[in-house]
Amino acid sequence: MIEFEKIINLTVDKLLNYLQENQNTDTKVIDYKSPQTLKEKLDLSLPENGVPLADLIPIIESYLDHSVRTSSHKFFNQLWGGFEITGLLAEMVTSTANTSMYTYEVAP
């Protein structure tokens, strides 16, 4: 359980840092990289035996570093933009509970 908790805490720390960076007006919405550069930087292969939990942290960091920062105040979309804490908390609760809304048997 200790490794499990450590990975969760490290991931939450990375996410909090990401959200704080999005509040900084100097942070770019995207640090554009060409598709070829992204292909070289991101290993999208599926290993046959998976990876240890600790190996997920650099993958998460890379994902966040190369994602469009849609929660930034500088991101504008015709339908949505920005960040809503209640939405994040709801996602965390429903993902952690691992329930489903589509059938009564497993819905809350």
PDB file of N, CA and C in Angstrom:
ATOM      1  N   MET A   1       0.822  -1.207   0.000  1.00  0.00           N
ATOM      2  CA  MET A   1       0.000   0.000   0.000  1.00  0.00           C
ATOM      3  C   MET A   1       0.861   1.265   0.000  1.00  0.00           C
ATOM      4  N   ILE A   2       2.086   1.173   0.528  1.00  0.00           N
ATOM      5  CA  ILE A   2       2.937   2.359   0.593  1.00  0.00           C
ATOM      6  C   ILE A   2       3.276   2.857  -0.808  1.00  0.00           C
ATOM      7  N   GLU A   3       3.651   1.940  -1.730  1.00  0.00           N
ATOM      8  CA  GLU A   3       3.955   2.362  -3.097  1.00  0.00           C
ATOM      9  C   GLU A   3       2.714   2.966  -3.751  1.00  0.00           C
ATOM     10  N   PHE A   4       1.566   2.363  -3.499  1.00  0.00           N
ATOM     11  CA  PHE A   4       0.295   2.844  -4.020  1.00  0.00           C
ATOM     12  C   PHE A   4       0.047   4.286  -3.561  1.00  0.00           C
ATOM     13  N   GLU A   5       0.198   4.539  -2.260  1.00  0.00           N
ATOM     14  CA  GLU A   5       0.000   5.890  -1.716  1.00  0.00           C
ATOM     15  C   GLU A   5       1.031   6.864  -2.267  1.00  0.00           C
ATOM     16  N   LYS A   6       2.267   6.427  -2.371  1.00  0.00           N
ATOM     17  CA  LYS A   6       3.335   7.294  -2.869  1.00  0.00           C
ATOM     18  C   LYS A   6       3.044   7.737  -4.301  1.00  0.00           C
ATOM     19  N   ILE A   7       2.614   6.812  -5.139  1.00  0.00           N
ATOM     20  CA  ILE A   7       2.310   7.132  -6.539  1.00  0.00           C
ATOM     21  C   ILE A   7       1.126   8.093  -6.618  1.00  0.00           C
ATOM     22  N   ILE A   8       0.101   7.849  -5.816  1.00  0.00           N
ATOM     23  CA  ILE A   8      -1.053   8.757  -5.808  1.00  0.00           C
ATOM     24  C   ILE A   8      -0.619  10.150  -5.366  1.00  0.00           C
ATOM     25  N   ASN A   9       0.166  10.241  -4.296  1.00  0.00           N
ATOM     26  CA  ASN A   9       0.618  11.549  -3.809  1.00  0.00           C
ATOM     27  C   ASN A   9       1.492  12.262  -4.832  1.00  0.00           C
ATOM     28  N   LEU A  10       2.397  11.536  -5.466  1.00  0.00           N
ATOM     29  CA  LEU A  10       3.236  12.142  -6.506  1.00  0.00           C
ATOM     30  C   LEU A  10       2.387  12.653  -7.665  1.00  0.00           C
ATOM     31  N   THR A  11       1.404  11.873  -8.061  1.00  0.00           N
ATOM     32  CA  THR A  11       0.526  12.270  -9.161  1.00  0.00           C
ATOM     33  C   THR A  11      -0.286  13.501  -8.788  1.00  0.00           C
ATOM     34  N   VAL A  12      -0.851  13.516  -7.592  1.00  0.00           N
ATOM     35  CA  VAL A  12      -1.625  14.679  -7.145  1.00  0.00           C
ATOM     36  C   VAL A  12      -0.729  15.911  -7.086  1.00  0.00           C
ATOM     37  N   ASP A  13       0.507  15.765  -6.614  1.00  0.00           N
ATOM     38  CA  ASP A  13       1.448  16.893  -6.597  1.00  0.00           C
ATOM     39  C   ASP A  13       1.690  17.425  -8.004  1.00  0.00           C
ATOM     40  N   LYS A  14       1.871  16.522  -8.963  1.00  0.00           N
ATOM     41  CA  LYS A  14       2.081  16.940 -10.360  1.00  0.00           C
ATOM     42  C   LYS A  14       0.853  17.682 -10.892  1.00  0.00           C
ATOM     43  N   LEU A  15      -0.333  17.171 -10.568  1.00  0.00           N
ATOM     44  CA  LEU A  15      -1.565  17.807 -11.043  1.00  0.00           C
ATOM     45  C   LEU A  15      -1.768  19.180 -10.413  1.00  0.00           C
ATOM     46  N   LEU A  16      -1.490  19.298  -9.116  1.00  0.00           N
ATOM     47  CA  LEU A  16      -1.618  20.602  -8.454  1.00  0.00           C
ATOM     48  C   LEU A  16      -0.644  21.606  -9.050  1.00  0.00           C
ATOM     49  N   ASN A  17       0.581  21.172  -9.312  1.00  0.00           N
ATOM     50  CA  ASN A  17       1.566  22.047  -9.937  1.00  0.00           C
ATOM     51  C   ASN A  17       1.097  22.479 -11.325  1.00  0.00           C
ATOM     52  N   TYR A  18       0.548  21.547 -12.080  1.00  0.00           N
ATOM     53  CA  TYR A  18       0.026  21.838 -13.418  1.00  0.00           C
ATOM     54  C   TYR A  18      -1.079  22.894 -13.344  1.00  0.00           C
ATOM     55  N   LEU A  19      -2.006  22.726 -12.409  1.00  0.00           N
ATOM     56  CA  LEU A  19      -3.104  23.687 -12.259  1.00  0.00           C
ATOM     57  C   LEU A  19      -2.590  25.055 -11.824  1.00  0.00           C
ATOM     58  N   GLN A  20      -1.591  25.078 -10.943  1.00  0.00           N
ATOM     59  CA  GLN A  20      -1.014  26.354 -10.517  1.00  0.00           C
ATOM     60  C   GLN A  20      -0.306  27.048 -11.673  1.00  0.00           C
ATOM     61  N   GLU A  21       0.415  26.284 -12.476  1.00  0.00           N
ATOM     62  CA  GLU A  21       1.072  26.858 -13.654  1.00  0.00           C
ATOM     63  C   GLU A  21       0.049  27.469 -14.603  1.00  0.00           C
ATOM     64  N   ASN A  22      -1.113  26.857 -14.718  1.00  0.00           N
ATOM     65  CA  ASN A  22      -2.151  27.371 -15.612  1.00  0.00           C
ATOM     66  C   ASN A  22      -2.687  28.716 -15.154  1.00  0.00           C
ATOM     67  N   GLN A  23      -2.543  29.030 -13.878  1.00  0.00           N
ATOM     68  CA  GLN A  23      -2.991  30.322 -13.362  1.00  0.00           C
ATOM     69  C   GLN A  23      -1.965  31.424 -13.632  1.00  0.00           C
ATOM     70  N   ASN A  24      -0.745  31.040 -13.960  1.00  0.00           N
ATOM     71  CA  ASN A  24       0.326  31.991 -14.238  1.00  0.00           C
ATOM     72  C   ASN A  24       0.133  32.563 -15.642  1.00  0.00           C
ATOM     73  N   THR A  25       0.059  33.879 -15.739  1.00  0.00           N
ATOM     74  CA  THR A  25      -0.192  34.511 -17.041  1.00  0.00           C
ATOM     75  C   THR A  25       0.981  34.348 -18.010  1.00  0.00           C
ATOM     76  N   ASP A  26       2.153  33.974 -17.500  1.00  0.00           N
ATOM     77  CA  ASP A  26       3.310  33.763 -18.374  1.00  0.00           C
ATOM     78  C   ASP A  26       3.352  32.360 -18.982  1.00  0.00           C
ATOM     79  N   THR A  27       2.515  31.461 -18.488  1.00  0.00           N
ATOM     80  CA  THR A  27       2.505  30.088 -18.995  1.00  0.00           C
ATOM     81  C   THR A  27       1.783  30.038 -20.336  1.00  0.00           C
ATOM     82  N   LYS A  28       2.435  29.433 -21.328  1.00  0.00           N
ATOM     83  CA  LYS A  28       1.823  29.295 -22.650  1.00  0.00           C
ATOM     84  C   LYS A  28       0.678  28.289 -22.597  1.00  0.00           C
ATOM     85  N   VAL A  29      -0.341  28.509 -23.424  1.00  0.00           N
ATOM     86  CA  VAL A  29      -1.444  27.557 -23.540  1.00  0.00           C
ATOM     87  C   VAL A  29      -0.925  26.255 -24.153  1.00  0.00           C
ATOM     88  N   ILE A  30      -0.006  26.369 -25.088  1.00  0.00           N
ATOM     89  CA  ILE A  30       0.624  25.182 -25.679  1.00  0.00           C
ATOM     90  C   ILE A  30       2.052  25.535 -26.063  1.00  0.00           C
ATOM     91  N   ASP A  31       2.938  24.614 -25.801  1.00  0.00           N
ATOM     92  CA  ASP A  31       4.314  24.728 -26.266  1.00  0.00           C
ATOM     93  C   ASP A  31       4.385  23.853 -27.513  1.00  0.00           C
ATOM     94  N   TYR A  32       4.056  24.445 -28.650  1.00  0.00           N
ATOM     95  CA  TYR A  32       3.860  23.680 -29.881  1.00  0.00           C
ATOM     96  C   TYR A  32       5.101  22.879 -30.255  1.00  0.00           C
ATOM     97  N   LYS A  33       4.859  21.641 -30.590  1.00  0.00           N
ATOM     98  CA  LYS A  33       5.872  20.748 -31.140  1.00  0.00           C
ATOM     99  C   LYS A  33       5.274  20.109 -32.386  1.00  0.00           C
ATOM    100  N   SER A  34       6.090  19.918 -33.388  1.00  0.00           N
ATOM    101  CA  SER A  34       5.606  19.276 -34.614  1.00  0.00           C
ATOM    102  C   SER A  34       5.223  17.828 -34.316  1.00  0.00           C
ATOM    103  N   PRO A  35       4.350  17.256 -35.143  1.00  0.00           N
ATOM    104  CA  PRO A  35       3.993  15.847 -34.941  1.00  0.00           C
ATOM    105  C   PRO A  35       5.217  14.926 -34.914  1.00  0.00           C
ATOM    106  N   GLN A  36       6.197  15.198 -35.753  1.00  0.00           N
ATOM    107  CA  GLN A  36       7.404  14.362 -35.783  1.00  0.00           C
ATOM    108  C   GLN A  36       8.173  14.471 -34.468  1.00  0.00           C
ATOM    109  N   THR A  37       8.299  15.684 -33.935  1.00  0.00           N
ATOM    110  CA  THR A  37       8.992  15.875 -32.657  1.00  0.00           C
ATOM    111  C   THR A  37       8.260  15.162 -31.532  1.00  0.00           C
ATOM    112  N   LEU A  38       6.930  15.275 -31.524  1.00  0.00           N
ATOM    113  CA  LEU A  38       6.146  14.584 -30.498  1.00  0.00           C
ATOM    114  C   LEU A  38       6.315  13.073 -30.606  1.00  0.00           C
ATOM    115  N   LYS A  39       6.347  12.576 -31.820  1.00  0.00           N
ATOM    116  CA  LYS A  39       6.513  11.134 -32.026  1.00  0.00           C
ATOM    117  C   LYS A  39       7.845  10.659 -31.454  1.00  0.00           C
ATOM    118  N   GLU A  40       8.878  11.504 -31.591  1.00  0.00           N
ATOM    119  CA  GLU A  40      10.194  11.163 -31.055  1.00  0.00           C
ATOM    120  C   GLU A  40      10.224  11.253 -29.529  1.00  0.00           C
ATOM    121  N   LYS A  41       9.472  12.187 -28.957  1.00  0.00           N
ATOM    122  CA  LYS A  41       9.497  12.406 -27.509  1.00  0.00           C
ATOM    123  C   LYS A  41       8.584  11.462 -26.735  1.00  0.00           C
ATOM    124  N   LEU A  42       7.473  11.076 -27.341  1.00  0.00           N
ATOM    125  CA  LEU A  42       6.470  10.285 -26.630  1.00  0.00           C
ATOM    126  C   LEU A  42       6.490   8.837 -27.094  1.00  0.00           C
ATOM    127  N   ASP A  43       6.691   7.944 -26.161  1.00  0.00           N
ATOM    128  CA  ASP A  43       6.643   6.517 -26.475  1.00  0.00           C
ATOM    129  C   ASP A  43       5.209   6.048 -26.279  1.00  0.00           C
ATOM    130  N   LEU A  44       4.501   5.832 -27.364  1.00  0.00           N
ATOM    131  CA  LEU A  44       3.098   5.432 -27.301  1.00  0.00           C
ATOM    132  C   LEU A  44       2.907   3.932 -27.527  1.00  0.00           C
ATOM    133  N   SER A  45       3.998   3.199 -27.463  1.00  0.00           N
ATOM    134  CA  SER A  45       3.882   1.750 -27.637  1.00  0.00           C
ATOM    135  C   SER A  45       3.254   1.122 -26.389  1.00  0.00           C
ATOM    136  N   LEU A  46       2.662  -0.025 -26.584  1.00  0.00           N
ATOM    137  CA  LEU A  46       2.058  -0.762 -25.470  1.00  0.00           C
ATOM    138  C   LEU A  46       2.949  -1.953 -25.141  1.00  0.00           C
ATOM    139  N   PRO A  47       3.672  -1.867 -24.017  1.00  0.00           N
ATOM    140  CA  PRO A  47       4.549  -2.989 -23.672  1.00  0.00           C
ATOM    141  C   PRO A  47       3.737  -4.239 -23.347  1.00  0.00           C
ATOM    142  N   GLU A  48       4.285  -5.371 -23.678  1.00  0.00           N
ATOM    143  CA  GLU A  48       3.563  -6.626 -23.477  1.00  0.00           C
ATOM    144  C   GLU A  48       3.280  -6.903 -22.002  1.00  0.00           C
ATOM    145  N   ASN A  49       4.194  -6.520 -21.114  1.00  0.00           N
ATOM    146  CA  ASN A  49       4.039  -6.835 -19.698  1.00  0.00           C
ATOM    147  C   ASN A  49       3.725  -5.621 -18.830  1.00  0.00           C
ATOM    148  N   GLY A  50       3.403  -4.500 -19.404  1.00  0.00           N
ATOM    149  CA  GLY A  50       3.106  -3.320 -18.605  1.00  0.00           C
ATOM    150  C   GLY A  50       4.368  -2.698 -18.039  1.00  0.00           C
ATOM    151  N   VAL A  51       4.184  -1.729 -17.144  1.00  0.00           N
ATOM    152  CA  VAL A  51       5.314  -1.050 -16.510  1.00  0.00           C
ATOM    153  C   VAL A  51       5.052  -0.960 -15.009  1.00  0.00           C
ATOM    154  N   PRO A  52       6.114  -0.829 -14.221  1.00  0.00           N
ATOM    155  CA  PRO A  52       5.918  -0.625 -12.784  1.00  0.00           C
ATOM    156  C   PRO A  52       5.221   0.712 -12.524  1.00  0.00           C
ATOM    157  N   LEU A  53       4.508   0.799 -11.417  1.00  0.00           N
ATOM    158  CA  LEU A  53       3.784   2.035 -11.085  1.00  0.00           C
ATOM    159  C   LEU A  53       4.690   3.256 -11.107  1.00  0.00           C
ATOM    160  N   ALA A  54       5.895   3.132 -10.576  1.00  0.00           N
ATOM    161  CA  ALA A  54       6.809   4.276 -10.510  1.00  0.00           C
ATOM    162  C   ALA A  54       7.140   4.824 -11.897  1.00  0.00           C
ATOM    163  N   ASP A  55       7.101   3.969 -12.916  1.00  0.00           N
ATOM    164  CA  ASP A  55       7.398   4.409 -14.281  1.00  0.00           C
ATOM    165  C   ASP A  55       6.276   5.253 -14.877  1.00  0.00           C
ATOM    166  N   LEU A  56       5.137   5.305 -14.216  1.00  0.00           N
ATOM    167  CA  LEU A  56       4.029   6.119 -14.717  1.00  0.00           C
ATOM    168  C   LEU A  56       4.263   7.613 -14.502  1.00  0.00           C
ATOM    169  N   ILE A  57       5.036   7.978 -13.479  1.00  0.00           N
ATOM    170  CA  ILE A  57       5.240   9.398 -13.163  1.00  0.00           C
ATOM    171  C   ILE A  57       5.860  10.157 -14.336  1.00  0.00           C
ATOM    172  N   PRO A  58       6.962   9.700 -14.942  1.00  0.00           N
ATOM    173  CA  PRO A  58       7.483  10.435 -16.103  1.00  0.00           C
ATOM    174  C   PRO A  58       6.519  10.451 -17.290  1.00  0.00           C
ATOM    175  N   ILE A  59       5.716   9.405 -17.433  1.00  0.00           N
ATOM    176  CA  ILE A  59       4.723   9.374 -18.510  1.00  0.00           C
ATOM    177  C   ILE A  59       3.665  10.444 -18.265  1.00  0.00           C
ATOM    178  N   ILE A  60       3.218  10.563 -17.025  1.00  0.00           N
ATOM    179  CA  ILE A  60       2.239  11.589 -16.654  1.00  0.00           C
ATOM    180  C   ILE A  60       2.828  12.978 -16.871  1.00  0.00           C
ATOM    181  N   GLU A  61       4.079  13.181 -16.453  1.00  0.00           N
ATOM    182  CA  GLU A  61       4.742  14.476 -16.647  1.00  0.00           C
ATOM    183  C   GLU A  61       4.810  14.832 -18.124  1.00  0.00           C
ATOM    184  N   SER A  62       5.200  13.878 -18.945  1.00  0.00           N
ATOM    185  CA  SER A  62       5.307  14.119 -20.383  1.00  0.00           C
ATOM    186  C   SER A  62       3.946  14.450 -20.980  1.00  0.00           C
ATOM    187  N   TYR A  63       2.928  13.717 -20.557  1.00  0.00           N
ATOM    188  CA  TYR A  63       1.566  13.981 -21.035  1.00  0.00           C
ATOM    189  C   TYR A  63       1.148  15.411 -20.700  1.00  0.00           C
ATOM    190  N   LEU A  64       1.358  15.818 -19.458  1.00  0.00           N
ATOM    191  CA  LEU A  64       0.969  17.168 -19.051  1.00  0.00           C
ATOM    192  C   LEU A  64       1.799  18.225 -19.772  1.00  0.00           C
ATOM    193  N   ASP A  65       3.092  17.970 -19.954  1.00  0.00           N
ATOM    194  CA  ASP A  65       3.967  18.933 -20.633  1.00  0.00           C
ATOM    195  C   ASP A  65       3.561  19.165 -22.084  1.00  0.00           C
ATOM    196  N   HIS A  66       2.997  18.157 -22.725  1.00  0.00           N
ATOM    197  CA  HIS A  66       2.682  18.271 -24.146  1.00  0.00           C
ATOM    198  C   HIS A  66       1.197  18.475 -24.435  1.00  0.00           C
ATOM    199  N   SER A  67       0.395  18.619 -23.393  1.00  0.00           N
ATOM    200  CA  SER A  67      -1.045  18.821 -23.573  1.00  0.00           C
ATOM    201  C   SER A  67      -1.386  20.299 -23.704  1.00  0.00           C
ATOM    202  N   VAL A  68      -2.445  20.580 -24.436  1.00  0.00           N
ATOM    203  CA  VAL A  68      -2.977  21.942 -24.485  1.00  0.00           C
ATOM    204  C   VAL A  68      -3.546  22.254 -23.107  1.00  0.00           C
ATOM    205  N   ARG A  69      -3.217  23.407 -22.579  1.00  0.00           N
ATOM    206  CA  ARG A  69      -3.662  23.789 -21.235  1.00  0.00           C
ATOM    207  C   ARG A  69      -5.055  24.417 -21.323  1.00  0.00           C
ATOM    208  N   THR A  70      -6.043  23.563 -21.461  1.00  0.00           N
ATOM    209  CA  THR A  70      -7.414  24.037 -21.640  1.00  0.00           C
ATOM    210  C   THR A  70      -7.992  24.666 -20.383  1.00  0.00           C
ATOM    211  N   SER A  71      -7.347  24.476 -19.231  1.00  0.00           N
ATOM    212  CA  SER A  71      -7.831  25.127 -18.009  1.00  0.00           C
ATOM    213  C   SER A  71      -7.179  26.492 -17.797  1.00  0.00           C
ATOM    214  N   SER A  72      -6.336  26.917 -18.722  1.00  0.00           N
ATOM    215  CA  SER A  72      -5.711  28.235 -18.647  1.00  0.00           C
ATOM    216  C   SER A  72      -6.740  29.329 -18.919  1.00  0.00           C
ATOM    217  N   HIS A  73      -6.548  30.480 -18.279  1.00  0.00           N
ATOM    218  CA  HIS A  73      -7.429  31.626 -18.544  1.00  0.00           C
ATOM    219  C   HIS A  73      -7.245  32.155 -19.970  1.00  0.00           C
ATOM    220  N   LYS A  74      -6.154  31.754 -20.618  1.00  0.00           N
ATOM    221  CA  LYS A  74      -5.884  32.214 -21.977  1.00  0.00           C
ATOM    222  C   LYS A  74      -6.419  31.260 -23.043  1.00  0.00           C
ATOM    223  N   PHE A  75      -7.000  30.135 -22.629  1.00  0.00           N
ATOM    224  CA  PHE A  75      -7.572  29.195 -23.595  1.00  0.00           C
ATOM    225  C   PHE A  75      -9.027  29.569 -23.833  1.00  0.00           C
ATOM    226  N   PHE A  76      -9.383  29.731 -25.099  1.00  0.00           N
ATOM    227  CA  PHE A  76     -10.761  30.057 -25.455  1.00  0.00           C
ATOM    228  C   PHE A  76     -11.245  29.090 -26.525  1.00  0.00           C
ATOM    229  N   ASN A  77     -12.404  28.552 -26.306  1.00  0.00           N
ATOM    230  CA  ASN A  77     -13.051  27.660 -27.254  1.00  0.00           C
ATOM    231  C   ASN A  77     -14.454  28.205 -27.443  1.00  0.00           C
ATOM    232  N   GLN A  78     -15.052  27.948 -28.564  1.00  0.00           N
ATOM    233  CA  GLN A  78     -16.392  28.484 -28.812  1.00  0.00           C
ATOM    234  C   GLN A  78     -17.434  27.922 -27.852  1.00  0.00           C
ATOM    235  N   LEU A  79     -17.179  26.773 -27.239  1.00  0.00           N
ATOM    236  CA  LEU A  79     -18.153  26.156 -26.344  1.00  0.00           C
ATOM    237  C   LEU A  79     -17.727  26.148 -24.885  1.00  0.00           C
ATOM    238  N   TRP A  80     -16.442  26.149 -24.618  1.00  0.00           N
ATOM    239  CA  TRP A  80     -15.999  26.054 -23.230  1.00  0.00           C
ATOM    240  C   TRP A  80     -14.558  26.517 -23.089  1.00  0.00           C
ATOM    241  N   GLY A  81     -14.143  26.716 -21.874  1.00  0.00           N
ATOM    242  CA  GLY A  81     -12.778  27.084 -21.551  1.00  0.00           C
ATOM    243  C   GLY A  81     -12.665  27.316 -20.060  1.00  0.00           C
ATOM    244  N   GLY A  82     -11.474  27.221 -19.544  1.00  0.00           N
ATOM    245  CA  GLY A  82     -11.264  27.465 -18.124  1.00  0.00           C
ATOM    246  C   GLY A  82     -11.311  26.194 -17.302  1.00  0.00           C
ATOM    247  N   PHE A  83     -11.447  26.391 -16.004  1.00  0.00           N
ATOM    248  CA  PHE A  83     -11.349  25.290 -15.052  1.00  0.00           C
ATOM    249  C   PHE A  83     -12.421  25.448 -13.991  1.00  0.00           C
ATOM    250  N   GLU A  84     -13.032  24.355 -13.614  1.00  0.00           N
ATOM    251  CA  GLU A  84     -14.062  24.378 -12.571  1.00  0.00           C
ATOM    252  C   GLU A  84     -13.710  23.331 -11.521  1.00  0.00           C
ATOM    253  N   ILE A  85     -13.408  23.787 -10.304  1.00  0.00           N
ATOM    254  CA  ILE A  85     -12.975  22.890  -9.238  1.00  0.00           C
ATOM    255  C   ILE A  85     -14.034  21.840  -8.910  1.00  0.00           C
ATOM    256  N   THR A  86     -15.307  22.213  -8.956  1.00  0.00           N
ATOM    257  CA  THR A  86     -16.350  21.230  -8.629  1.00  0.00           C
ATOM    258  C   THR A  86     -16.370  20.091  -9.645  1.00  0.00           C
ATOM    259  N   GLY A  87     -16.097  20.396 -10.898  1.00  0.00           N
ATOM    260  CA  GLY A  87     -16.027  19.353 -11.920  1.00  0.00           C
ATOM    261  C   GLY A  87     -14.865  18.402 -11.665  1.00  0.00           C
ATOM    262  N   LEU A  88     -13.708  18.958 -11.296  1.00  0.00           N
ATOM    263  CA  LEU A  88     -12.547  18.127 -10.990  1.00  0.00           C
ATOM    264  C   LEU A  88     -12.826  17.214  -9.799  1.00  0.00           C
ATOM    265  N   LEU A  89     -13.387  17.780  -8.742  1.00  0.00           N
ATOM    266  CA  LEU A  89     -13.683  16.979  -7.551  1.00  0.00           C
ATOM    267  C   LEU A  89     -14.689  15.873  -7.865  1.00  0.00           C
ATOM    268  N   ALA A  90     -15.714  16.198  -8.658  1.00  0.00           N
ATOM    269  CA  ALA A  90     -16.708  15.187  -9.033  1.00  0.00           C
ATOM    270  C   ALA A  90     -16.062  14.063  -9.838  1.00  0.00           C
ATOM    271  N   GLU A  91     -15.173  14.418 -10.767  1.00  0.00           N
ATOM    272  CA  GLU A  91     -14.461  13.396 -11.554  1.00  0.00           C
ATOM    273  C   GLU A  91     -13.624  12.497 -10.658  1.00  0.00           C
ATOM    274  N   MET A  92     -12.941  13.105  -9.686  1.00  0.00           N
ATOM    275  CA  MET A  92     -12.101  12.322  -8.782  1.00  0.00           C
ATOM    276  C   MET A  92     -12.939  11.352  -7.951  1.00  0.00           C
ATOM    277  N   VAL A  93     -14.071  11.828  -7.443  1.00  0.00           N
ATOM    278  CA  VAL A  93     -14.931  10.977  -6.614  1.00  0.00           C
ATOM    279  C   VAL A  93     -15.501   9.824  -7.436  1.00  0.00           C
ATOM    280  N   THR A  94     -16.043  10.126  -8.613  1.00  0.00           N
ATOM    281  CA  THR A  94     -16.659   9.061  -9.412  1.00  0.00           C
ATOM    282  C   THR A  94     -15.615   8.073  -9.935  1.00  0.00           C
ATOM    283  N   SER A  95     -14.433   8.560 -10.295  1.00  0.00           N
ATOM    284  CA  SER A  95     -13.377   7.644 -10.748  1.00  0.00           C
ATOM    285  C   SER A  95     -12.888   6.757  -9.616  1.00  0.00           C
ATOM    286  N   THR A  96     -12.744   7.337  -8.429  1.00  0.00           N
ATOM    287  CA  THR A  96     -12.280   6.559  -7.284  1.00  0.00           C
ATOM    288  C   THR A  96     -13.312   5.516  -6.871  1.00  0.00           C
ATOM    289  N   ALA A  97     -14.588   5.893  -6.873  1.00  0.00           N
ATOM    290  CA  ALA A  97     -15.648   4.950  -6.510  1.00  0.00           C
ATOM    291  C   ALA A  97     -15.803   3.862  -7.570  1.00  0.00           C
ATOM    292  N   ASN A  98     -15.405   4.182  -8.811  1.00  0.00           N
ATOM    293  CA  ASN A  98     -15.453   3.228  -9.921  1.00  0.00           C
ATOM    294  C   ASN A  98     -16.859   2.662 -10.127  1.00  0.00           C
ATOM    295  N   THR A  99     -17.839   3.526  -9.963  1.00  0.00           N
ATOM    296  CA  THR A  99     -19.216   3.113 -10.198  1.00  0.00           C
ATOM    297  C   THR A  99     -19.651   3.552 -11.587  1.00  0.00           C
ATOM    298  N   SER A 100     -20.867   3.265 -11.916  1.00  0.00           N
ATOM    299  CA  SER A 100     -21.389   3.578 -13.228  1.00  0.00           C
ATOM    300  C   SER A 100     -22.740   4.252 -13.084  1.00  0.00           C
ATOM    301  N   MET A 101     -23.051   5.133 -13.984  1.00  0.00           N
ATOM    302  CA  MET A 101     -24.330   5.829 -13.943  1.00  0.00           C
ATOM    303  C   MET A 101     -25.350   5.205 -14.898  1.00  0.00           C
ATOM    304  N   TYR A 102     -24.937   4.227 -15.696  1.00  0.00           N
ATOM    305  CA  TYR A 102     -25.830   3.741 -16.748  1.00  0.00           C
ATOM    306  C   TYR A 102     -26.726   2.579 -16.334  1.00  0.00           C
ATOM    307  N   THR A 103     -26.456   1.939 -15.206  1.00  0.00           N
ATOM    308  CA  THR A 103     -27.381   0.910 -14.729  1.00  0.00           C
ATOM    309  C   THR A 103     -27.630   1.091 -13.241  1.00  0.00           C
ATOM    310  N   TYR A 104     -28.814   0.816 -12.817  1.00  0.00           N
ATOM    311  CA  TYR A 104     -29.205   0.995 -11.417  1.00  0.00           C
ATOM    312  C   TYR A 104     -28.378   0.116 -10.481  1.00  0.00           C
ATOM    313  N   GLU A 105     -28.030  -1.083 -10.915  1.00  0.00           N
ATOM    314  CA  GLU A 105     -27.347  -2.040 -10.044  1.00  0.00           C
ATOM    315  C   GLU A 105     -26.017  -1.518  -9.518  1.00  0.00           C
ATOM    316  N   VAL A 106     -25.301  -0.736 -10.320  1.00  0.00           N
ATOM    317  CA  VAL A 106     -23.986  -0.261  -9.885  1.00  0.00           C
ATOM    318  C   VAL A 106     -23.933   1.250  -9.699  1.00  0.00           C
ATOM    319  N   ALA A 107     -25.035   1.921  -9.890  1.00  0.00           N
ATOM    320  CA  ALA A 107     -25.070   3.370  -9.671  1.00  0.00           C
ATOM    321  C   ALA A 107     -25.090   3.647  -8.168  1.00  0.00           C
ATOM    322  N   PRO A 108     -24.656   4.819  -7.769  1.00  0.00           N
ATOM    323  CA  PRO A 108     -24.687   5.150  -6.333  1.00  0.00           C
ATOM    324  C   PRO A 108     -26.100   5.097  -5.765  1.00  0.00           C
TER     325      PRO A 108
END
